[in-house]
Amino acid sequence: MADITVTFADGTSHVYENVPSSVTREQAIERAKKDFAKKSVSDISRTSFSEMGAADILQSAVSNVPASAGRMAQDIYTAVTSPVQTTKSILDILAGGYQNLLPEKLVQLIGEDKASREVANQVGQFYKQRYGTEEGFKKAVATDPVSVMADLSTVLTGGSTVAPRAIAAPLRTVARAVDPVSIATQAVTQGAKAVGNVAAPVLGMTTGTGTEPIRQAFRAGAEGGERGRMFTENLRGTAQITDVLDSAKQNLANMNLAKQAEYRNNMTAIKTDKTILGFDGIDKSLGNAFDKVSFKGQVKNESAASKLAEVQAKINDWKNLDPAEFHTPEGLDALKQQVGDILESIPFEQKTARLVVGDVYNSLKQEINKQAPTYAKTMKAYSDASDQIKEIEKALSLGQRSSADTALRKLQSIMRNNVNTNYGQRMDLASQLEAAGGRQMMPALAGQALSELAPRGIQRATAPIGGIGLFSTGGLPAVAGGALVSSPRVVGEAAYGAGVGARGLLDVQRRLPQIDYPTMFNLLYQSQQPKD
């Protein structure tokens, strides 16, 4: 048996499969002339797979992988997009298979389903012809290697379910290793890593935008949803440019709210602590503060002394209150807040007044921390959160005194990794802000960074020189290619599109994480085989 390929003068060809060895070249030509009367035969070749060696089979298999993968993908697509017919085919295969396994008398007794039995027989004949002879097996490997891998994966996966425990795991491992769908999934995953690790830095340099916007573009495409919408709207200029600033400020407000809520939650434990705290350390600090603003009983700084007197009056009034209620950790925390209000009311230019009142405020905090360890933990968490918020507010100019233009420029700069952004420090702070505040900002900032057609920064100035160099080596095609990879907008659209493509290939895996993929996809593929 052999396959005979007839090539016609117009470049097309036709393959006669499983032709008996007794058929001569002249007979094959006459058959082709009869079947294709309007075409002229230019060449004819015979392929006998049984005579091919392992090296030839392997070479043919490698060359046929793309076409074989395409056919399998088409079969899976047909199965998925025709669920009713697919389900019927699978049920017919299973029902017919069970009938062929049961004794014939029992089948007739319970009632034979001839239609499903015929479908199962067709599938059985298909695989018998494919794997039942050396010729069929070699032909399958050489011409349709991807489907052979799928068949092998299905057999190994099924075998692992009934095999002894000692060899079940190795069988499953081998099944996944040869499963073409798993291989394709791994290729997509590695491709995504390549975008982040290889392509993004290179394209970030050619466009002048840096690496991060391109990574964000791919991620926006891969995730879709709100992230994808924000990225594309900012990339294409349909979003308000200040929307991202509003998101940043809302995130900062949310961080403050979370800080206050955590503080209130932790203070619940402090309220149950009825320890009576002493004022010795506070009195000592107050005395030291008065010494700083006076000399031998004479006041040196009237404004500072006035504020200290206000603080002293607050403390003395608190001392006279019921210790069981007001000298507890919770009570002294309330006193500390009153002193803090006095401190905040002092103008920044009155440095001495702020210094001495701050000393008393800190002594209150230290005394509570020393005498009530639980309070110390609560205040540390509150202080850390406050410091983080202040750092973000300052670095990104999100305070009330900062202009919207300054804040927006700071936000747009975080995608760059240079001295102006403290080599990624702004990016880290913005990431903290986004994570803690709950509103996305990175997709919008990446879209804005990639929204222009012309390169950014120094790349824009050097683009003409680079174009001349490309033209001298590769002509207009090279110049066109260089222009494409230098355009932030083009690269942004391409990276987003690549992410969308990756999402499409991995969508089933995300939605159905518990499904055994080799079995599922191969069963979908095999449900189409009765149609062959």
Protein backbone atom coordinates (compact mmCIF):
# COMPACT_ATOMS: atom_id res chain seq x y z
CA MET A 1 0.00 0.00 0.00
CA ALA A 2 1.17 3.53 -0.74
CA ASP A 3 0.02 7.10 -1.19
CA ILE A 4 0.22 8.56 -4.69
CA THR A 5 0.49 12.34 -5.03
CA VAL A 6 -0.55 13.82 -8.37
CA THR A 7 0.70 17.35 -9.12
CA PHE A 8 -1.08 19.38 -11.80
CA ALA A 9 0.26 22.08 -14.10
CA ASP A 10 -1.57 24.82 -12.18
CA GLY A 11 0.40 23.96 -9.02
CA THR A 12 -2.39 22.12 -7.21
CA SER A 13 -2.16 18.49 -6.16
CA HIS A 14 -4.27 15.57 -5.04
CA VAL A 15 -3.33 12.55 -2.88
CA TYR A 16 -4.73 9.06 -3.49
CA GLU A 17 -4.34 7.25 -0.16
CA ASN A 18 -3.72 3.54 0.50
CA VAL A 19 -3.28 2.66 -3.17
CA PRO A 20 -2.39 -1.05 -3.76
CA SER A 21 1.22 -1.68 -4.78
CA SER A 22 0.01 -3.33 -8.01
CA VAL A 23 -1.27 0.01 -9.41
CA THR A 24 1.19 1.30 -12.00
CA ARG A 25 2.24 4.88 -12.67
CA GLU A 26 0.30 4.90 -15.96
CA GLN A 27 -2.86 3.66 -14.25
CA ALA A 28 -2.57 6.40 -11.62
CA ILE A 29 -2.18 9.05 -14.33
CA GLU A 30 -5.21 7.74 -16.22
CA ARG A 31 -7.25 7.83 -12.98
CA ALA A 32 -6.18 11.41 -12.32
CA LYS A 33 -7.08 12.47 -15.87
CA LYS A 34 -10.49 10.92 -15.42
CA ASP A 35 -11.12 12.48 -12.00
CA PHE A 36 -9.73 15.88 -12.98
CA ALA A 37 -10.52 16.17 -16.67
CA LYS A 38 -9.94 19.91 -16.82
CA LYS A 39 -6.43 19.70 -15.37
CA SER A 40 -3.12 18.67 -16.87
CA VAL A 41 -0.90 16.26 -14.89
CA SER A 42 2.68 17.53 -14.56
CA ASP A 43 4.15 15.06 -12.06
CA ILE A 44 3.29 11.97 -10.03
CA SER A 45 5.04 10.48 -6.98
CA ARG A 46 4.50 7.40 -4.86
CA THR A 47 5.09 7.31 -1.09
CA SER A 48 5.24 3.95 0.66
CA PHE A 49 5.35 4.60 4.40
CA SER A 50 6.15 0.95 5.20
CA GLU A 51 9.46 1.36 3.34
CA MET A 52 10.40 4.62 5.07
CA GLY A 53 13.06 4.53 7.79
CA ALA A 54 12.82 6.18 11.18
CA ALA A 55 14.81 9.24 10.07
CA ASP A 56 12.51 9.83 7.09
CA ILE A 57 9.40 9.38 9.24
CA LEU A 58 10.76 11.89 11.78
CA GLN A 59 11.65 14.41 9.09
CA SER A 60 8.19 14.15 7.57
CA ALA A 61 6.53 14.41 10.98
CA VAL A 62 8.40 17.60 11.83
CA SER A 63 7.50 19.23 8.51
CA ASN A 64 3.83 18.29 8.98
CA VAL A 65 3.43 19.56 12.57
CA PRO A 66 1.89 22.94 11.58
CA ALA A 67 -0.72 21.39 9.27
CA SER A 68 -1.46 18.62 11.76
CA ALA A 69 -1.88 21.10 14.62
CA GLY A 70 -4.18 23.21 12.46
CA ARG A 71 -6.41 20.22 11.71
CA MET A 72 -6.61 19.29 15.37
CA ALA A 73 -7.41 22.86 16.36
CA GLN A 74 -10.15 22.95 13.74
CA ASP A 75 -11.61 19.69 15.09
CA ILE A 76 -11.61 21.05 18.65
CA TYR A 77 -13.13 24.33 17.45
CA THR A 78 -15.86 22.48 15.59
CA ALA A 79 -16.59 20.36 18.66
CA VAL A 80 -16.78 23.37 21.00
CA THR A 81 -18.90 25.48 18.64
CA SER A 82 -21.31 22.61 17.93
CA PRO A 83 -22.05 21.37 21.47
CA VAL A 84 -25.26 19.50 20.62
CA GLN A 85 -23.68 17.48 17.80
CA THR A 86 -20.49 16.97 19.84
CA THR A 87 -22.40 15.63 22.83
CA LYS A 88 -24.39 13.29 20.57
CA SER A 89 -21.18 12.01 18.93
CA ILE A 90 -19.50 11.34 22.28
CA LEU A 91 -22.58 9.58 23.65
CA ASP A 92 -22.87 7.50 20.48
CA ILE A 93 -19.20 6.47 20.74
CA LEU A 94 -19.61 5.48 24.38
CA ALA A 95 -22.94 3.72 23.90
CA GLY A 96 -21.77 1.86 20.81
CA GLY A 97 -18.53 0.90 22.52
CA TYR A 98 -20.33 -0.55 25.51
CA GLN A 99 -22.61 -2.57 23.19
CA ASN A 100 -19.56 -4.02 21.44
CA LEU A 101 -18.09 -5.04 24.79
CA LEU A 102 -21.23 -6.75 26.07
CA PRO A 103 -22.30 -10.26 24.99
CA GLU A 104 -24.42 -10.08 21.84
CA LYS A 105 -27.36 -11.88 23.47
CA LEU A 106 -27.45 -9.32 26.27
CA VAL A 107 -27.33 -6.47 23.75
CA GLN A 108 -30.29 -7.92 21.86
CA LEU A 109 -32.15 -8.51 25.11
CA ILE A 110 -31.87 -4.94 26.34
CA GLY A 111 -32.33 -3.51 22.86
CA GLU A 112 -29.66 -2.74 20.28
CA ASP A 113 -28.97 0.85 19.26
CA LYS A 114 -27.74 0.35 15.71
CA ALA A 115 -26.98 4.03 15.08
CA SER A 116 -24.60 4.42 18.03
CA ARG A 117 -23.05 1.04 17.31
CA GLU A 118 -22.33 2.11 13.74
CA VAL A 119 -20.67 5.30 14.97
CA ALA A 120 -18.49 3.32 17.41
CA ASN A 121 -17.58 0.89 14.62
CA GLN A 122 -16.57 3.77 12.37
CA VAL A 123 -14.30 5.15 15.09
CA GLY A 124 -12.89 1.70 15.74
CA GLN A 125 -12.22 1.21 12.04
CA PHE A 126 -10.54 4.61 11.90
CA TYR A 127 -8.08 3.69 14.66
CA LYS A 128 -7.64 0.13 13.37
CA GLN A 129 -6.63 1.47 9.99
CA ARG A 130 -4.35 4.03 11.61
CA TYR A 131 -2.57 1.86 14.17
CA GLY A 132 -3.38 -1.71 13.13
CA THR A 133 -0.58 -2.02 10.57
CA GLU A 134 2.99 -0.80 10.27
CA GLU A 135 2.01 1.13 7.16
CA GLY A 136 -0.87 2.86 8.93
CA PHE A 137 1.16 3.72 12.03
CA LYS A 138 4.10 5.15 10.07
CA LYS A 139 1.74 7.14 7.89
CA ALA A 140 -0.06 8.58 10.91
CA VAL A 141 3.20 9.62 12.57
CA ALA A 142 4.61 11.10 9.36
CA THR A 143 1.53 12.99 8.18
CA ASP A 144 -0.47 13.72 11.35
CA PRO A 145 1.97 13.78 14.30
CA VAL A 146 -0.09 16.06 16.56
CA SER A 147 -3.15 13.79 16.51
CA VAL A 148 -0.90 10.77 17.25
CA MET A 149 0.40 12.61 20.32
CA ALA A 150 -3.20 13.36 21.36
CA ASP A 151 -4.17 9.70 20.97
CA LEU A 152 -1.14 8.58 22.99
CA SER A 153 -1.90 11.10 25.72
CA THR A 154 -5.49 9.86 25.98
CA VAL A 155 -4.38 6.24 26.24
CA LEU A 156 -1.76 7.03 28.89
CA THR A 157 -4.19 9.19 30.88
CA GLY A 158 -6.80 6.44 30.84
CA GLY A 159 -4.19 3.87 31.75
CA SER A 160 -3.05 5.92 34.75
CA THR A 161 -6.54 5.68 36.25
CA VAL A 162 -6.44 1.88 36.43
CA ALA A 163 -2.70 1.30 36.76
CA PRO A 164 -1.04 0.37 40.08
CA ARG A 165 -0.13 3.36 42.20
CA ALA A 166 3.59 2.87 41.59
CA ILE A 167 3.30 3.58 37.85
CA ALA A 168 0.13 5.72 37.75
CA ALA A 169 1.98 8.98 38.45
CA PRO A 170 4.69 8.38 35.80
CA LEU A 171 1.98 7.55 33.26
CA ARG A 172 0.19 10.82 34.01
CA THR A 173 3.47 12.71 33.68
CA VAL A 174 4.21 11.17 30.30
CA ALA A 175 0.61 11.80 29.20
CA ARG A 176 0.96 15.51 29.84
CA ALA A 177 4.43 15.58 28.29
CA VAL A 178 3.09 14.35 24.94
CA ASP A 179 -0.28 16.12 25.09
CA PRO A 180 -0.28 18.74 22.29
CA VAL A 181 -2.74 21.00 24.13
CA SER A 182 -0.52 21.07 27.23
CA ILE A 183 2.47 21.78 25.02
CA ALA A 184 0.61 24.67 23.37
CA THR A 185 -0.39 26.03 26.78
CA GLN A 186 3.22 25.92 27.94
CA ALA A 187 4.26 27.71 24.76
CA VAL A 188 1.78 30.52 25.48
CA THR A 189 3.01 30.75 29.08
CA GLN A 190 6.64 30.92 27.99
CA GLY A 191 5.67 33.45 25.33
CA ALA A 192 4.13 35.65 28.02
CA LYS A 193 7.36 35.43 30.01
CA ALA A 194 9.30 36.36 26.89
CA VAL A 195 7.20 39.51 26.48
CA GLY A 196 8.11 40.53 30.02
CA ASN A 197 11.73 39.42 30.09
CA VAL A 198 12.98 39.95 26.54
CA ALA A 199 10.64 41.88 24.26
CA ALA A 200 9.50 44.51 26.76
CA PRO A 201 12.98 45.85 27.61
CA VAL A 202 13.95 46.02 23.92
CA LEU A 203 10.72 47.72 22.84
CA GLY A 204 10.86 49.97 25.89
CA MET A 205 14.21 51.21 24.60
CA THR A 206 13.13 51.64 20.96
CA THR A 207 9.98 53.55 21.93
CA GLY A 208 11.55 55.55 24.74
CA THR A 209 8.75 54.58 27.14
CA GLY A 210 10.66 52.10 29.29
CA THR A 211 9.79 48.50 30.06
CA GLU A 212 6.84 48.81 32.44
CA PRO A 213 4.21 50.30 30.06
CA ILE A 214 4.71 47.43 27.61
CA ARG A 215 4.41 44.83 30.36
CA GLN A 216 1.25 46.55 31.53
CA ALA A 217 -0.10 46.55 27.96
CA PHE A 218 0.32 42.79 27.64
CA ARG A 219 -1.19 42.24 31.10
CA ALA A 220 -4.18 44.44 30.20
CA GLY A 221 -4.84 42.32 27.13
CA ALA A 222 -4.33 39.05 29.00
CA GLU A 223 -6.67 40.00 31.87
CA GLY A 224 -9.24 42.06 29.96
CA GLY A 225 -12.14 43.47 31.97
CA GLU A 226 -11.65 46.76 33.79
CA ARG A 227 -7.86 46.62 33.35
CA GLY A 228 -8.22 46.20 29.60
CA ARG A 229 -10.82 48.97 29.37
CA MET A 230 -8.70 51.46 31.31
CA PHE A 231 -5.62 50.72 29.24
CA THR A 232 -7.26 51.00 25.81
CA GLU A 233 -9.24 54.13 26.67
CA ASN A 234 -6.08 55.92 27.80
CA LEU A 235 -4.04 54.49 24.92
CA ARG A 236 -6.55 55.72 22.35
CA GLY A 237 -7.30 59.04 24.06
CA THR A 238 -10.96 58.43 24.88
CA ALA A 239 -10.53 58.74 28.66
CA GLN A 240 -10.15 61.93 30.65
CA ILE A 241 -6.44 62.32 31.38
CA THR A 242 -7.18 63.40 34.96
CA ASP A 243 -9.24 60.30 35.78
CA VAL A 244 -6.09 58.54 36.97
CA LEU A 245 -5.35 61.44 39.32
CA ASP A 246 -8.82 61.11 40.81
CA SER A 247 -8.19 57.40 41.29
CA ALA A 248 -4.88 58.10 43.03
CA LYS A 249 -6.47 60.59 45.43
CA GLN A 250 -9.32 58.22 46.15
CA ASN A 251 -6.81 55.47 46.89
CA LEU A 252 -5.02 57.76 49.32
CA ALA A 253 -8.33 58.57 51.01
CA ASN A 254 -9.12 54.87 51.22
CA MET A 255 -5.74 54.24 52.84
CA ASN A 256 -6.53 56.86 55.47
CA LEU A 257 -9.92 55.30 56.12
CA ALA A 258 -8.36 51.86 56.44
CA LYS A 259 -5.78 53.25 58.86
CA GLN A 260 -8.48 54.79 61.03
CA ALA A 261 -10.58 51.64 60.95
CA GLU A 262 -7.60 49.49 61.97
CA TYR A 263 -6.80 51.92 64.75
CA ARG A 264 -10.35 51.80 66.10
CA ASN A 265 -10.38 48.04 65.89
CA ASN A 266 -7.11 47.74 67.82
CA MET A 267 -8.25 50.29 70.40
CA THR A 268 -11.04 47.91 71.37
CA ALA A 269 -8.47 45.72 73.10
CA ILE A 270 -6.93 48.75 74.82
CA LYS A 271 -10.29 49.79 76.25
CA THR A 272 -10.36 46.61 78.29
CA ASP A 273 -6.98 47.48 79.88
CA LYS A 274 -7.80 49.31 83.16
CA THR A 275 -4.20 49.72 84.30
CA ILE A 276 -3.63 53.03 86.10
CA LEU A 277 -0.70 54.82 84.46
CA GLY A 278 1.65 57.28 86.17
CA PHE A 279 2.50 60.85 85.09
CA ASP A 280 6.13 60.98 86.29
CA GLY A 281 7.71 60.79 82.86
CA ILE A 282 5.23 63.30 81.47
CA ASP A 283 5.92 65.80 84.29
CA LYS A 284 9.67 65.46 83.73
CA SER A 285 9.28 66.13 80.01
CA LEU A 286 7.09 69.15 80.70
CA GLY A 287 9.73 70.57 83.07
CA ASN A 288 12.48 70.07 80.50
CA ALA A 289 10.37 71.80 77.89
CA PHE A 290 9.89 74.91 80.10
CA ASP A 291 13.66 74.99 80.71
CA LYS A 292 14.20 75.28 76.94
CA VAL A 293 12.06 78.41 76.64
CA SER A 294 13.21 80.24 79.81
CA PHE A 295 16.39 81.41 81.55
CA LYS A 296 16.52 81.60 85.35
CA GLY A 297 12.75 82.02 85.50
CA GLN A 298 12.53 84.50 82.65
CA VAL A 299 10.71 83.54 79.45
CA LYS A 300 12.88 83.56 76.30
CA ASN A 301 10.18 82.63 73.80
CA GLU A 302 6.70 83.97 74.50
CA SER A 303 4.85 81.98 71.84
CA ALA A 304 6.50 78.71 72.89
CA ALA A 305 5.91 79.38 76.58
CA SER A 306 2.26 80.23 75.88
CA LYS A 307 1.69 76.94 74.08
CA LEU A 308 3.47 75.02 76.85
CA ALA A 309 1.26 76.68 79.43
CA GLU A 310 -1.77 75.55 77.43
CA VAL A 311 -0.43 72.00 77.38
CA GLN A 312 0.37 72.12 81.13
CA ALA A 313 -3.18 73.22 81.90
CA LYS A 314 -4.57 70.29 79.90
CA ILE A 315 -2.33 67.82 81.75
CA ASN A 316 -3.13 69.26 85.19
CA ASP A 317 -6.87 69.13 84.49
CA TRP A 318 -6.48 65.47 83.41
CA LYS A 319 -4.62 64.59 86.59
CA ASN A 320 -7.59 65.74 88.65
CA LEU A 321 -10.01 63.44 86.85
CA ASP A 322 -10.98 59.95 88.10
CA PRO A 323 -7.85 57.76 87.63
CA ALA A 324 -9.93 54.60 87.08
CA GLU A 325 -11.51 56.23 84.02
CA PHE A 326 -8.99 58.78 82.75
CA HIS A 327 -5.54 57.50 83.79
CA THR A 328 -5.87 54.21 81.87
CA PRO A 329 -4.13 53.59 78.50
CA GLU A 330 -7.31 54.66 76.72
CA GLY A 331 -7.61 57.78 78.93
CA LEU A 332 -4.03 58.93 78.39
CA ASP A 333 -4.42 58.31 74.66
CA ALA A 334 -7.29 60.81 74.71
CA LEU A 335 -5.05 63.30 76.56
CA LYS A 336 -2.31 62.69 73.97
CA GLN A 337 -4.78 63.55 71.20
CA GLN A 338 -5.64 66.87 72.89
CA VAL A 339 -1.95 67.74 73.14
CA GLY A 340 -1.60 66.68 69.49
CA ASP A 341 -4.32 69.15 68.53
CA ILE A 342 -2.37 71.94 70.22
CA LEU A 343 0.78 70.86 68.36
CA GLU A 344 -1.00 70.87 64.99
CA SER A 345 -2.35 74.38 65.63
CA ILE A 346 1.17 75.86 65.92
CA PRO A 347 2.39 77.44 62.64
CA PHE A 348 5.41 75.74 61.05
CA GLU A 349 7.49 78.90 61.28
CA GLN A 350 7.27 78.79 65.11
CA LYS A 351 9.88 76.07 65.28
CA THR A 352 10.70 76.37 68.98
CA ALA A 353 7.07 76.12 70.01
CA ARG A 354 6.55 73.06 67.83
CA LEU A 355 9.74 71.50 69.21
CA VAL A 356 8.90 71.80 72.92
CA VAL A 357 5.23 70.87 72.55
CA GLY A 358 6.31 67.94 70.38
CA ASP A 359 8.61 66.76 73.17
CA VAL A 360 5.70 66.66 75.61
CA TYR A 361 3.49 64.91 73.04
CA ASN A 362 6.16 62.25 72.48
CA SER A 363 6.61 61.77 76.23
CA LEU A 364 2.91 61.00 76.55
CA LYS A 365 3.22 58.40 73.80
CA GLN A 366 6.36 56.90 75.33
CA GLU A 367 4.83 56.61 78.80
CA ILE A 368 1.77 54.80 77.46
CA ASN A 369 3.97 52.49 75.37
CA LYS A 370 6.20 51.72 78.35
CA GLN A 371 3.39 51.02 80.79
CA ALA A 372 0.93 49.38 78.34
CA PRO A 373 2.64 47.05 75.76
CA THR A 374 -0.62 46.37 73.87
CA TYR A 375 -0.98 50.08 73.20
CA ALA A 376 2.58 50.18 71.90
CA LYS A 377 1.79 47.57 69.23
CA THR A 378 -1.35 49.42 68.19
CA MET A 379 0.40 52.74 67.87
CA LYS A 380 3.31 51.25 65.94
CA ALA A 381 0.93 49.91 63.31
CA TYR A 382 -0.85 53.28 63.20
CA SER A 383 2.45 55.15 62.98
CA ASP A 384 3.76 52.90 60.20
CA ALA A 385 0.56 53.40 58.21
CA SER A 386 0.73 57.16 58.73
CA ASP A 387 4.37 57.29 57.62
CA GLN A 388 3.54 55.27 54.49
CA ILE A 389 0.69 57.61 53.60
CA LYS A 390 2.86 60.70 54.16
CA GLU A 391 5.64 59.28 52.00
CA ILE A 392 3.24 58.48 49.15
CA GLU A 393 1.55 61.85 49.47
CA LYS A 394 4.87 63.68 49.29
CA ALA A 395 6.50 61.57 46.55
CA LEU A 396 3.47 61.78 44.24
CA SER A 397 2.39 65.32 45.20
CA LEU A 398 -1.08 64.21 46.25
CA GLY A 399 -1.44 66.68 49.12
CA GLN A 400 -4.01 69.47 49.15
CA ARG A 401 -1.38 72.13 48.50
CA SER A 402 -0.08 70.45 45.32
CA SER A 403 -1.46 71.43 41.91
CA ALA A 404 -3.22 68.89 39.73
CA ASP A 405 -0.64 69.44 36.97
CA THR A 406 2.27 68.62 39.29
CA ALA A 407 0.54 65.53 40.69
CA LEU A 408 -0.34 64.27 37.21
CA ARG A 409 3.23 64.71 35.99
CA LYS A 410 4.52 62.79 39.01
CA LEU A 411 2.08 59.96 38.34
CA GLN A 412 2.95 59.81 34.64
CA SER A 413 6.65 59.65 35.50
CA ILE A 414 6.37 56.47 37.59
CA MET A 415 6.55 54.27 34.47
CA ARG A 416 10.13 55.46 33.91
CA ASN A 417 13.04 53.94 35.77
CA ASN A 418 15.64 56.71 36.06
CA VAL A 419 17.16 59.19 38.47
CA ASN A 420 14.07 61.43 38.33
CA THR A 421 11.92 58.63 39.72
CA ASN A 422 14.57 57.48 42.22
CA TYR A 423 15.12 54.37 40.09
CA GLY A 424 11.75 52.76 40.61
CA GLN A 425 10.92 54.14 44.09
CA ARG A 426 7.91 56.06 42.76
CA MET A 427 6.70 52.90 41.04
CA ASP A 428 6.93 50.98 44.31
CA LEU A 429 4.99 53.67 46.16
CA ALA A 430 2.35 53.86 43.43
CA SER A 431 1.97 50.07 43.53
CA GLN A 432 1.46 50.26 47.29
CA LEU A 433 -1.11 53.01 46.78
CA GLU A 434 -2.99 51.00 44.16
CA ALA A 435 -2.96 47.80 46.22
CA ALA A 436 -4.03 49.47 49.47
CA GLY A 437 -6.57 51.85 47.93
CA GLY A 438 -8.28 49.31 45.70
CA ARG A 439 -8.59 51.38 42.51
CA GLN A 440 -6.46 50.54 39.48
CA MET A 441 -4.05 53.17 38.16
CA MET A 442 -1.28 51.31 36.33
CA PRO A 443 -3.31 50.42 33.20
CA ALA A 444 -4.31 54.05 32.71
CA LEU A 445 -0.77 55.34 33.23
CA ALA A 446 0.63 52.71 30.85
CA GLY A 447 -1.96 53.66 28.23
CA GLN A 448 -1.02 57.34 28.52
CA ALA A 449 2.68 56.51 28.26
CA LEU A 450 2.07 54.59 25.00
CA SER A 451 -0.51 56.93 23.47
CA GLU A 452 1.79 58.89 21.14
CA LEU A 453 2.79 57.74 17.67
CA ALA A 454 6.30 59.22 17.81
CA PRO A 455 9.01 57.86 20.13
CA ARG A 456 9.46 59.53 23.51
CA GLY A 457 12.51 61.19 25.04
CA ILE A 458 15.89 60.96 23.36
CA GLN A 459 14.62 58.30 20.95
CA ARG A 460 12.48 60.96 19.26
CA ALA A 461 15.54 63.12 18.61
CA THR A 462 17.67 60.23 17.31
CA ALA A 463 14.93 58.61 15.19
CA PRO A 464 15.87 60.43 11.93
CA ILE A 465 19.49 59.35 12.26
CA GLY A 466 18.42 55.77 12.91
CA GLY A 467 16.12 55.92 9.89
CA ILE A 468 19.01 56.90 7.62
CA GLY A 469 21.05 53.99 8.92
CA LEU A 470 18.20 51.54 8.36
CA PHE A 471 17.61 52.83 4.83
CA SER A 472 21.27 52.36 3.95
CA THR A 473 21.19 48.72 5.04
CA GLY A 474 17.67 47.54 4.22
CA GLY A 475 15.92 50.20 2.20
CA LEU A 476 12.33 51.30 2.77
CA PRO A 477 11.18 47.98 4.35
CA ALA A 478 13.82 48.36 7.06
CA VAL A 479 12.80 51.98 7.67
CA ALA A 480 9.14 50.95 7.93
CA GLY A 481 9.98 48.17 10.37
CA GLY A 482 12.08 50.51 12.48
CA ALA A 483 9.26 53.06 12.55
CA LEU A 484 6.79 50.44 13.76
CA VAL A 485 8.92 49.19 16.65
CA SER A 486 9.75 52.80 17.62
CA SER A 487 6.13 53.94 17.84
CA PRO A 488 4.70 53.74 21.38
CA ARG A 489 1.14 53.59 20.03
CA VAL A 490 1.88 50.75 17.59
CA VAL A 491 3.85 48.78 20.17
CA GLY A 492 1.14 49.38 22.79
CA GLU A 493 -1.58 48.08 20.48
CA ALA A 494 0.56 45.08 19.53
CA ALA A 495 1.42 44.17 23.13
CA TYR A 496 -2.23 44.49 24.12
CA GLY A 497 -3.24 42.32 21.16
CA ALA A 498 -0.67 39.69 22.14
CA GLY A 499 -2.19 39.62 25.62
CA VAL A 500 -5.68 39.20 24.19
CA GLY A 501 -4.44 36.28 22.09
CA ALA A 502 -2.86 34.63 25.11
CA ARG A 503 -6.07 35.11 27.08
CA GLY A 504 -8.05 33.37 24.36
CA LEU A 505 -5.80 30.32 24.41
CA LEU A 506 -5.80 30.06 28.19
CA ASP A 507 -9.43 31.05 28.80
CA VAL A 508 -10.71 27.50 29.11
CA GLN A 509 -7.95 26.65 31.56
CA ARG A 510 -8.86 29.63 33.75
CA ARG A 511 -12.57 28.88 33.73
CA LEU A 512 -12.37 25.14 34.27
CA PRO A 513 -9.33 24.55 36.47
CA GLN A 514 -10.39 21.07 37.63
CA ILE A 515 -10.80 19.49 34.20
CA ASP A 516 -8.28 16.88 33.04
CA TYR A 517 -7.16 18.70 29.90
CA PRO A 518 -5.61 15.89 27.84
CA THR A 519 -8.76 13.81 28.20
CA MET A 520 -11.15 16.72 27.64
CA PHE A 521 -9.51 18.23 24.56
CA ASN A 522 -8.61 14.91 23.00
CA LEU A 523 -12.14 13.64 23.52
CA LEU A 524 -13.43 16.77 21.77
CA TYR A 525 -10.98 16.15 18.94
CA GLN A 526 -11.88 12.46 18.67
CA SER A 527 -15.61 13.25 18.66
CA GLN A 528 -15.02 14.62 15.15
CA GLN A 529 -13.27 11.52 13.80
CA PRO A 530 -16.42 9.65 12.68
CA LYS A 531 -16.82 12.45 10.14
CA ASP A 532 -13.46 11.60 8.53
